[in-house]
Protein backbone atom coordinates (compact mmCIF):
# COMPACT_ATOMS: atom_id res chain seq x y z
CA UNK A 1 0.00 0.00 0.00
CA UNK A 2 1.38 3.38 -0.95
CA UNK A 3 1.05 6.54 1.11
CA UNK A 4 -1.58 7.89 -1.32
CA UNK A 5 -3.80 4.84 -0.70
CA UNK A 6 -3.47 5.01 3.08
CA UNK A 7 -6.88 5.94 4.60
CA UNK A 8 -5.20 7.21 7.79
CA UNK A 9 -2.80 10.01 6.83
CA UNK A 10 -1.22 10.07 10.29
CA UNK A 11 -0.39 13.01 12.51
CA UNK A 12 2.09 14.58 10.10
CA UNK A 13 -0.53 14.94 7.36
CA UNK A 14 -3.43 16.20 9.50
CA UNK A 15 -5.42 18.80 7.51
CA UNK A 16 -6.52 20.64 10.69
CA UNK A 17 -2.98 21.54 11.79
CA UNK A 18 -2.47 25.30 11.95
CA UNK A 19 -6.16 26.22 11.87
CA UNK A 20 -7.88 28.40 14.45
CA UNK A 21 -9.29 26.53 17.45
CA UNK A 22 -12.99 25.82 17.64
CA UNK A 23 -14.90 28.52 19.60
CA UNK A 24 -16.83 25.80 21.45
CA UNK A 25 -13.57 24.39 22.77
CA UNK A 26 -12.55 27.85 23.99
CA UNK A 27 -15.79 28.22 25.95
CA UNK A 28 -15.19 24.79 27.48
CA UNK A 29 -11.78 26.04 28.59
CA UNK A 30 -13.36 29.08 30.25
CA UNK A 31 -15.80 26.86 32.13
CA UNK A 32 -12.95 24.62 33.27
CA UNK A 33 -10.95 27.63 34.45
CA UNK A 34 -13.98 28.92 36.34
CA UNK A 35 -14.46 25.52 37.96
CA UNK A 36 -10.78 25.34 38.90
CA UNK A 37 -10.96 28.77 40.52
CA UNK A 38 -14.37 28.21 42.11
CA UNK A 39 -13.42 25.05 44.01
CA UNK A 40 -10.78 26.80 46.15
CA UNK A 41 -13.19 29.70 46.61
CA UNK A 42 -15.77 27.24 47.90
CA UNK A 43 -13.22 25.70 50.26
CA UNK A 44 -12.34 29.16 51.58
CA UNK A 45 -16.02 29.98 52.16
CA UNK A 46 -16.53 26.60 53.85
CA UNK A 47 -13.54 27.10 56.15
CA UNK A 48 -14.52 30.64 57.13
CA UNK A 49 -18.12 29.70 57.92
CA UNK A 50 -17.28 26.20 59.23
CA UNK A 51 -20.07 24.86 57.03
CA UNK A 52 -18.90 22.44 54.31
CA UNK A 53 -22.32 22.61 52.71
CA UNK A 54 -21.28 25.96 51.25
CA UNK A 55 -18.58 24.34 49.12
CA UNK A 56 -21.06 24.20 46.25
CA UNK A 57 -21.58 27.97 46.43
CA UNK A 58 -17.95 28.58 45.49
CA UNK A 59 -18.09 26.05 42.67
CA UNK A 60 -21.28 27.65 41.34
CA UNK A 61 -19.72 31.12 41.52
CA UNK A 62 -16.64 29.85 39.68
CA UNK A 63 -18.79 28.35 36.92
CA UNK A 64 -20.74 31.60 36.72
CA UNK A 65 -17.54 33.61 36.28
CA UNK A 66 -16.24 31.09 33.73
CA UNK A 67 -19.37 31.40 31.62
CA UNK A 68 -19.24 35.20 31.95
CA UNK A 69 -15.62 35.22 30.74
CA UNK A 70 -16.62 33.10 27.76
CA UNK A 71 -19.56 35.34 26.91
CA UNK A 72 -17.55 38.56 27.14
CA UNK A 73 -15.07 37.28 24.55
CA UNK A 74 -17.83 36.35 22.06
CA UNK A 75 -18.89 39.93 21.26
CA UNK A 76 -17.90 41.44 17.92
CA UNK A 77 -15.93 44.65 18.06
CA UNK A 78 -17.90 45.94 15.07
CA UNK A 79 -21.19 45.79 16.97
CA UNK A 80 -20.19 48.87 19.03
CA UNK A 81 -20.71 51.09 15.97
CA UNK A 82 -24.47 50.53 15.94
PDB file of N, CA and C in Angstrom:
ATOM      1  N   UNK A   1       0.844  -1.168   0.000  1.00  0.00           N
ATOM      2  CA  UNK A   1       0.000   0.000   0.000  1.00  0.00           C
ATOM      3  C   UNK A   1       0.894   1.238   0.000  1.00  0.00           C
ATOM      4  N   UNK A   2       0.604   2.151  -0.878  1.00  0.00           N
ATOM      5  CA  UNK A   2       1.381   3.384  -0.948  1.00  0.00           C
ATOM      6  C   UNK A   2       0.795   4.428  -0.006  1.00  0.00           C
ATOM      7  N   UNK A   3       1.522   5.492   0.198  1.00  0.00           N
ATOM      8  CA  UNK A   3       1.053   6.535   1.113  1.00  0.00           C
ATOM      9  C   UNK A   3      -0.190   7.248   0.566  1.00  0.00           C
ATOM     10  N   UNK A   4      -0.390   7.256  -0.743  1.00  0.00           N
ATOM     11  CA  UNK A   4      -1.575   7.887  -1.318  1.00  0.00           C
ATOM     12  C   UNK A   4      -2.820   7.054  -1.063  1.00  0.00           C
ATOM     13  N   UNK A   5      -2.666   5.728  -0.923  1.00  0.00           N
ATOM     14  CA  UNK A   5      -3.801   4.837  -0.696  1.00  0.00           C
ATOM     15  C   UNK A   5      -4.125   4.673   0.780  1.00  0.00           C
ATOM     16  N   UNK A   6      -3.294   5.191   1.639  1.00  0.00           N
ATOM     17  CA  UNK A   6      -3.472   5.011   3.078  1.00  0.00           C
ATOM     18  C   UNK A   6      -4.675   5.831   3.560  1.00  0.00           C
ATOM     19  N   UNK A   7      -5.715   5.179   4.139  1.00  0.00           N
ATOM     20  CA  UNK A   7      -6.884   5.936   4.603  1.00  0.00           C
ATOM     21  C   UNK A   7      -6.588   6.792   5.835  1.00  0.00           C
ATOM     22  N   UNK A   8      -5.567   6.429   6.605  1.00  0.00           N
ATOM     23  CA  UNK A   8      -5.199   7.206   7.786  1.00  0.00           C
ATOM     24  C   UNK A   8      -3.915   7.962   7.475  1.00  0.00           C
ATOM     25  N   UNK A   9      -4.003   9.274   7.231  1.00  0.00           N
ATOM     26  CA  UNK A   9      -2.803  10.005   6.826  1.00  0.00           C
ATOM     27  C   UNK A   9      -1.783  10.171   7.939  1.00  0.00           C
ATOM     28  N   UNK A  10      -2.165   9.939   9.187  1.00  0.00           N
ATOM     29  CA  UNK A  10      -1.221  10.070  10.290  1.00  0.00           C
ATOM     30  C   UNK A  10      -1.141  11.491  10.796  1.00  0.00           C
ATOM     31  N   UNK A  11      -0.432  11.678  11.894  1.00  0.00           N
ATOM     32  CA  UNK A  11      -0.395  13.010  12.507  1.00  0.00           C
ATOM     33  C   UNK A  11       0.369  14.046  11.698  1.00  0.00           C
ATOM     34  N   UNK A  12       1.310  13.614  10.852  1.00  0.00           N
ATOM     35  CA  UNK A  12       2.094  14.583  10.101  1.00  0.00           C
ATOM     36  C   UNK A  12       1.351  15.114   8.881  1.00  0.00           C
ATOM     37  N   UNK A  13       0.239  14.485   8.512  1.00  0.00           N
ATOM     38  CA  UNK A  13      -0.528  14.944   7.356  1.00  0.00           C
ATOM     39  C   UNK A  13      -1.941  15.356   7.761  1.00  0.00           C
ATOM     40  N   UNK A  14      -2.121  15.805   8.992  1.00  0.00           N
ATOM     41  CA  UNK A  14      -3.427  16.201   9.502  1.00  0.00           C
ATOM     42  C   UNK A  14      -3.849  17.517   8.848  1.00  0.00           C
ATOM     43  N   UNK A  15      -5.015  17.565   8.190  1.00  0.00           N
ATOM     44  CA  UNK A  15      -5.417  18.798   7.508  1.00  0.00           C
ATOM     45  C   UNK A  15      -5.809  19.921   8.462  1.00  0.00           C
ATOM     46  N   UNK A  16      -6.090  19.615   9.738  1.00  0.00           N
ATOM     47  CA  UNK A  16      -6.523  20.635  10.689  1.00  0.00           C
ATOM     48  C   UNK A  16      -5.364  21.338  11.389  1.00  0.00           C
ATOM     49  N   UNK A  17      -4.129  20.939  11.121  1.00  0.00           N
ATOM     50  CA  UNK A  17      -2.983  21.543  11.791  1.00  0.00           C
ATOM     51  C   UNK A  17      -2.828  22.986  11.327  1.00  0.00           C
ATOM     52  N   UNK A  18      -2.674  23.903  12.273  1.00  0.00           N
ATOM     53  CA  UNK A  18      -2.467  25.298  11.951  1.00  0.00           C
ATOM     54  C   UNK A  18      -3.734  26.108  11.809  1.00  0.00           C
ATOM     55  N   UNK A  19      -4.908  25.477  11.971  1.00  0.00           N
ATOM     56  CA  UNK A  19      -6.156  26.218  11.873  1.00  0.00           C
ATOM     57  C   UNK A  19      -6.531  26.796  13.227  1.00  0.00           C
ATOM     58  N   UNK A  20      -7.425  27.776  13.213  1.00  0.00           N
ATOM     59  CA  UNK A  20      -7.884  28.398  14.449  1.00  0.00           C
ATOM     60  C   UNK A  20      -8.657  27.383  15.277  1.00  0.00           C
ATOM     61  N   UNK A  21      -8.548  27.459  16.604  1.00  0.00           N
ATOM     62  CA  UNK A  21      -9.286  26.530  17.448  1.00  0.00           C
ATOM     63  C   UNK A  21     -10.788  26.787  17.369  1.00  0.00           C
ATOM     64  N   UNK A  22     -11.540  25.755  17.663  1.00  0.00           N
ATOM     65  CA  UNK A  22     -12.990  25.819  17.638  1.00  0.00           C
ATOM     66  C   UNK A  22     -13.488  26.717  18.774  1.00  0.00           C
ATOM     67  N   UNK A  23     -14.416  27.650  18.523  1.00  0.00           N
ATOM     68  CA  UNK A  23     -14.904  28.523  19.597  1.00  0.00           C
ATOM     69  C   UNK A  23     -15.584  27.749  20.720  1.00  0.00           C
ATOM     70  N   UNK A  24     -16.201  26.607  20.404  1.00  0.00           N
ATOM     71  CA  UNK A  24     -16.831  25.803  21.453  1.00  0.00           C
ATOM     72  C   UNK A  24     -15.790  25.258  22.416  1.00  0.00           C
ATOM     73  N   UNK A  25     -14.631  24.887  21.906  1.00  0.00           N
ATOM     74  CA  UNK A  25     -13.567  24.391  22.772  1.00  0.00           C
ATOM     75  C   UNK A  25     -13.038  25.503  23.672  1.00  0.00           C
ATOM     76  N   UNK A  26     -13.003  26.733  23.162  1.00  0.00           N
ATOM     77  CA  UNK A  26     -12.548  27.854  23.986  1.00  0.00           C
ATOM     78  C   UNK A  26     -13.518  28.122  25.123  1.00  0.00           C
ATOM     79  N   UNK A  27     -14.825  28.003  24.873  1.00  0.00           N
ATOM     80  CA  UNK A  27     -15.786  28.221  25.950  1.00  0.00           C
ATOM     81  C   UNK A  27     -15.699  27.102  26.974  1.00  0.00           C
ATOM     82  N   UNK A  28     -15.393  25.882  26.530  1.00  0.00           N
ATOM     83  CA  UNK A  28     -15.189  24.794  27.476  1.00  0.00           C
ATOM     84  C   UNK A  28     -13.986  25.080  28.362  1.00  0.00           C
ATOM     85  N   UNK A  29     -12.952  25.683  27.796  1.00  0.00           N
ATOM     86  CA  UNK A  29     -11.781  26.039  28.594  1.00  0.00           C
ATOM     87  C   UNK A  29     -12.135  27.083  29.641  1.00  0.00           C
ATOM     88  N   UNK A  30     -12.969  28.053  29.288  1.00  0.00           N
ATOM     89  CA  UNK A  30     -13.361  29.080  30.251  1.00  0.00           C
ATOM     90  C   UNK A  30     -14.159  28.470  31.395  1.00  0.00           C
ATOM     91  N   UNK A  31     -15.025  27.525  31.088  1.00  0.00           N
ATOM     92  CA  UNK A  31     -15.803  26.863  32.133  1.00  0.00           C
ATOM     93  C   UNK A  31     -14.879  26.068  33.039  1.00  0.00           C
ATOM     94  N   UNK A  32     -13.901  25.395  32.462  1.00  0.00           N
ATOM     95  CA  UNK A  32     -12.954  24.618  33.270  1.00  0.00           C
ATOM     96  C   UNK A  32     -12.117  25.530  34.158  1.00  0.00           C
ATOM     97  N   UNK A  33     -11.716  26.675  33.643  1.00  0.00           N
ATOM     98  CA  UNK A  33     -10.952  27.631  34.452  1.00  0.00           C
ATOM     99  C   UNK A  33     -11.816  28.155  35.592  1.00  0.00           C
ATOM    100  N   UNK A  34     -13.073  28.460  35.294  1.00  0.00           N
ATOM    101  CA  UNK A  34     -13.981  28.916  36.337  1.00  0.00           C
ATOM    102  C   UNK A  34     -14.189  27.867  37.410  1.00  0.00           C
ATOM    103  N   UNK A  35     -14.310  26.611  36.999  1.00  0.00           N
ATOM    104  CA  UNK A  35     -14.463  25.520  37.964  1.00  0.00           C
ATOM    105  C   UNK A  35     -13.205  25.367  38.805  1.00  0.00           C
ATOM    106  N   UNK A  36     -12.052  25.480  38.172  1.00  0.00           N
ATOM    107  CA  UNK A  36     -10.784  25.336  38.898  1.00  0.00           C
ATOM    108  C   UNK A  36     -10.576  26.477  39.893  1.00  0.00           C
ATOM    109  N   UNK A  37     -11.079  27.655  39.585  1.00  0.00           N
ATOM    110  CA  UNK A  37     -10.959  28.775  40.517  1.00  0.00           C
ATOM    111  C   UNK A  37     -12.087  28.784  41.548  1.00  0.00           C
ATOM    112  N   UNK A  38     -13.229  28.217  41.197  1.00  0.00           N
ATOM    113  CA  UNK A  38     -14.368  28.206  42.105  1.00  0.00           C
ATOM    114  C   UNK A  38     -14.237  27.193  43.223  1.00  0.00           C
ATOM    115  N   UNK A  39     -13.578  26.074  42.961  1.00  0.00           N
ATOM    116  CA  UNK A  39     -13.423  25.053  44.005  1.00  0.00           C
ATOM    117  C   UNK A  39     -12.621  25.586  45.198  1.00  0.00           C
ATOM    118  N   UNK A  40     -11.472  26.223  44.992  1.00  0.00           N
ATOM    119  CA  UNK A  40     -10.779  26.802  46.152  1.00  0.00           C
ATOM    120  C   UNK A  40     -11.573  27.926  46.819  1.00  0.00           C
ATOM    121  N   UNK A  41     -12.335  28.672  46.036  1.00  0.00           N
ATOM    122  CA  UNK A  41     -13.188  29.704  46.612  1.00  0.00           C
ATOM    123  C   UNK A  41     -14.236  29.069  47.523  1.00  0.00           C
ATOM    124  N   UNK A  42     -14.798  27.956  47.078  1.00  0.00           N
ATOM    125  CA  UNK A  42     -15.767  27.244  47.905  1.00  0.00           C
ATOM    126  C   UNK A  42     -15.143  26.692  49.171  1.00  0.00           C
ATOM    127  N   UNK A  43     -13.922  26.196  49.068  1.00  0.00           N
ATOM    128  CA  UNK A  43     -13.218  25.698  50.257  1.00  0.00           C
ATOM    129  C   UNK A  43     -12.968  26.846  51.224  1.00  0.00           C
ATOM    130  N   UNK A  44     -12.582  28.002  50.711  1.00  0.00           N
ATOM    131  CA  UNK A  44     -12.344  29.156  51.583  1.00  0.00           C
ATOM    132  C   UNK A  44     -13.631  29.583  52.285  1.00  0.00           C
ATOM    133  N   UNK A  45     -14.733  29.618  51.548  1.00  0.00           N
ATOM    134  CA  UNK A  45     -16.017  29.975  52.161  1.00  0.00           C
ATOM    135  C   UNK A  45     -16.399  28.944  53.215  1.00  0.00           C
ATOM    136  N   UNK A  46     -16.186  27.663  52.907  1.00  0.00           N
ATOM    137  CA  UNK A  46     -16.530  26.600  53.853  1.00  0.00           C
ATOM    138  C   UNK A  46     -15.676  26.682  55.112  1.00  0.00           C
ATOM    139  N   UNK A  47     -14.405  27.000  54.975  1.00  0.00           N
ATOM    140  CA  UNK A  47     -13.537  27.100  56.149  1.00  0.00           C
ATOM    141  C   UNK A  47     -13.884  28.311  57.015  1.00  0.00           C
ATOM    142  N   UNK A  48     -14.204  29.424  56.373  1.00  0.00           N
ATOM    143  CA  UNK A  48     -14.524  30.636  57.127  1.00  0.00           C
ATOM    144  C   UNK A  48     -15.829  30.458  57.903  1.00  0.00           C
ATOM    145  N   UNK A  49     -16.815  29.852  57.276  1.00  0.00           N
ATOM    146  CA  UNK A  49     -18.119  29.700  57.916  1.00  0.00           C
ATOM    147  C   UNK A  49     -18.241  28.407  58.705  1.00  0.00           C
ATOM    148  N   UNK A  50     -17.257  27.514  58.587  1.00  0.00           N
ATOM    149  CA  UNK A  50     -17.280  26.199  59.228  1.00  0.00           C
ATOM    150  C   UNK A  50     -18.522  25.403  58.824  1.00  0.00           C
ATOM    151  N   UNK A  51     -18.915  25.562  57.568  1.00  0.00           N
ATOM    152  CA  UNK A  51     -20.068  24.856  57.030  1.00  0.00           C
ATOM    153  C   UNK A  51     -19.686  24.323  55.646  1.00  0.00           C
ATOM    154  N   UNK A  52     -19.374  23.024  55.562  1.00  0.00           N
ATOM    155  CA  UNK A  52     -18.905  22.441  54.313  1.00  0.00           C
ATOM    156  C   UNK A  52     -20.018  22.309  53.278  1.00  0.00           C
ATOM    157  N   UNK A  53     -21.230  22.591  53.674  1.00  0.00           N
ATOM    158  CA  UNK A  53     -22.321  22.605  52.707  1.00  0.00           C
ATOM    159  C   UNK A  53     -22.222  23.774  51.743  1.00  0.00           C
ATOM    160  N   UNK A  54     -21.447  24.787  52.108  1.00  0.00           N
ATOM    161  CA  UNK A  54     -21.282  25.962  51.249  1.00  0.00           C
ATOM    162  C   UNK A  54     -20.189  25.782  50.198  1.00  0.00           C
ATOM    163  N   UNK A  55     -19.589  24.616  50.143  1.00  0.00           N
ATOM    164  CA  UNK A  55     -18.576  24.338  49.124  1.00  0.00           C
ATOM    165  C   UNK A  55     -19.163  24.506  47.726  1.00  0.00           C
ATOM    166  N   UNK A  56     -20.397  24.091  47.550  1.00  0.00           N
ATOM    167  CA  UNK A  56     -21.059  24.203  46.252  1.00  0.00           C
ATOM    168  C   UNK A  56     -21.284  25.637  45.817  1.00  0.00           C
ATOM    169  N   UNK A  57     -21.398  26.558  46.772  1.00  0.00           N
ATOM    170  CA  UNK A  57     -21.582  27.970  46.426  1.00  0.00           C
ATOM    171  C   UNK A  57     -20.351  28.496  45.684  1.00  0.00           C
ATOM    172  N   UNK A  58     -19.170  28.144  46.159  1.00  0.00           N
ATOM    173  CA  UNK A  58     -17.947  28.584  45.494  1.00  0.00           C
ATOM    174  C   UNK A  58     -17.806  27.980  44.110  1.00  0.00           C
ATOM    175  N   UNK A  59     -18.164  26.701  43.982  1.00  0.00           N
ATOM    176  CA  UNK A  59     -18.089  26.053  42.668  1.00  0.00           C
ATOM    177  C   UNK A  59     -19.072  26.712  41.708  1.00  0.00           C
ATOM    178  N   UNK A  60     -20.280  26.995  42.196  1.00  0.00           N
ATOM    179  CA  UNK A  60     -21.279  27.649  41.342  1.00  0.00           C
ATOM    180  C   UNK A  60     -20.824  29.049  40.931  1.00  0.00           C
ATOM    181  N   UNK A  61     -20.229  29.790  41.862  1.00  0.00           N
ATOM    182  CA  UNK A  61     -19.718  31.123  41.517  1.00  0.00           C
ATOM    183  C   UNK A  61     -18.589  31.031  40.493  1.00  0.00           C
ATOM    184  N   UNK A  62     -17.720  30.037  40.642  1.00  0.00           N
ATOM    185  CA  UNK A  62     -16.642  29.850  39.675  1.00  0.00           C
ATOM    186  C   UNK A  62     -17.172  29.533  38.291  1.00  0.00           C
ATOM    187  N   UNK A  63     -18.185  28.667  38.212  1.00  0.00           N
ATOM    188  CA  UNK A  63     -18.786  28.354  36.919  1.00  0.00           C
ATOM    189  C   UNK A  63     -19.466  29.586  36.328  1.00  0.00           C
ATOM    190  N   UNK A  64     -20.102  30.374  37.177  1.00  0.00           N
ATOM    191  CA  UNK A  64     -20.741  31.602  36.717  1.00  0.00           C
ATOM    192  C   UNK A  64     -19.712  32.556  36.115  1.00  0.00           C
ATOM    193  N   UNK A  65     -18.585  32.735  36.803  1.00  0.00           N
ATOM    194  CA  UNK A  65     -17.537  33.609  36.280  1.00  0.00           C
ATOM    195  C   UNK A  65     -16.920  33.030  35.007  1.00  0.00           C
ATOM    196  N   UNK A  66     -16.783  31.713  34.931  1.00  0.00           N
ATOM    197  CA  UNK A  66     -16.238  31.091  33.729  1.00  0.00           C
ATOM    198  C   UNK A  66     -17.126  31.310  32.521  1.00  0.00           C
ATOM    199  N   UNK A  67     -18.433  31.158  32.711  1.00  0.00           N
ATOM    200  CA  UNK A  67     -19.372  31.403  31.615  1.00  0.00           C
ATOM    201  C   UNK A  67     -19.359  32.879  31.234  1.00  0.00           C
ATOM    202  N   UNK A  68     -19.279  33.760  32.233  1.00  0.00           N
ATOM    203  CA  UNK A  68     -19.240  35.201  31.948  1.00  0.00           C
ATOM    204  C   UNK A  68     -17.984  35.567  31.164  1.00  0.00           C
ATOM    205  N   UNK A  69     -16.847  34.954  31.497  1.00  0.00           N
ATOM    206  CA  UNK A  69     -15.618  35.217  30.740  1.00  0.00           C
ATOM    207  C   UNK A  69     -15.770  34.752  29.306  1.00  0.00           C
ATOM    208  N   UNK A  70     -16.418  33.611  29.111  1.00  0.00           N
ATOM    209  CA  UNK A  70     -16.625  33.101  27.764  1.00  0.00           C
ATOM    210  C   UNK A  70     -17.566  33.972  26.958  1.00  0.00           C
ATOM    211  N   UNK A  71     -18.597  34.489  27.609  1.00  0.00           N
ATOM    212  CA  UNK A  71     -19.563  35.338  26.914  1.00  0.00           C
ATOM    213  C   UNK A  71     -18.961  36.686  26.549  1.00  0.00           C
ATOM    214  N   UNK A  72     -18.117  37.234  27.408  1.00  0.00           N
ATOM    215  CA  UNK A  72     -17.550  38.557  27.135  1.00  0.00           C
ATOM    216  C   UNK A  72     -16.598  38.516  25.948  1.00  0.00           C
ATOM    217  N   UNK A  73     -15.984  37.392  25.675  1.00  0.00           N
ATOM    218  CA  UNK A  73     -15.071  37.279  24.547  1.00  0.00           C
ATOM    219  C   UNK A  73     -15.772  37.004  23.238  1.00  0.00           C
ATOM    220  N   UNK A  74     -17.089  36.690  23.267  1.00  0.00           N
ATOM    221  CA  UNK A  74     -17.826  36.351  22.061  1.00  0.00           C
ATOM    222  C   UNK A  74     -18.334  37.564  21.295  1.00  0.00           C
ATOM    223  N   UNK A  75     -18.327  38.744  21.903  1.00  0.00           N
ATOM    224  CA  UNK A  75     -18.893  39.929  21.262  1.00  0.00           C
ATOM    225  C   UNK A  75     -17.998  40.403  20.116  1.00  0.00           C
ATOM    226  N   UNK A  76     -18.643  40.851  19.038  1.00  0.00           N
ATOM    227  CA  UNK A  76     -17.901  41.436  17.922  1.00  0.00           C
ATOM    228  C   UNK A  76     -17.516  42.864  18.263  1.00  0.00           C
ATOM    229  N   UNK A  77     -16.350  43.275  17.837  1.00  0.00           N
ATOM    230  CA  UNK A  77     -15.932  44.653  18.064  1.00  0.00           C
ATOM    231  C   UNK A  77     -16.673  45.602  17.135  1.00  0.00           C
ATOM    232  N   UNK A  78     -17.164  45.113  16.013  1.00  0.00           N
ATOM    233  CA  UNK A  78     -17.900  45.943  15.069  1.00  0.00           C
ATOM    234  C   UNK A  78     -19.306  46.259  15.531  1.00  0.00           C
ATOM    235  N   UNK A  79     -19.829  45.537  16.511  1.00  0.00           N
ATOM    236  CA  UNK A  79     -21.189  45.788  16.970  1.00  0.00           C
ATOM    237  C   UNK A  79     -21.285  47.059  17.802  1.00  0.00           C
ATOM    238  N   UNK A  80     -20.179  47.642  18.234  1.00  0.00           N
ATOM    239  CA  UNK A  80     -20.195  48.872  19.029  1.00  0.00           C
ATOM    240  C   UNK A  80     -20.534  50.088  18.168  1.00  0.00           C
ATOM    241  N   UNK A  81     -20.434  49.965  16.855  1.00  0.00           N
ATOM    242  CA  UNK A  81     -20.712  51.086  15.966  1.00  0.00           C
ATOM    243  C   UNK A  81     -22.201  51.345  15.809  1.00  0.00           C
ATOM    244  N   UNK A  82     -23.023  50.403  16.156  1.00  0.00           N
ATOM    245  CA  UNK A  82     -24.472  50.534  15.940  1.00  0.00           C
ATOM    246  C   UNK A  82     -25.130  51.398  16.940  1.00  0.00           C
TER     247      UNK A  82
END
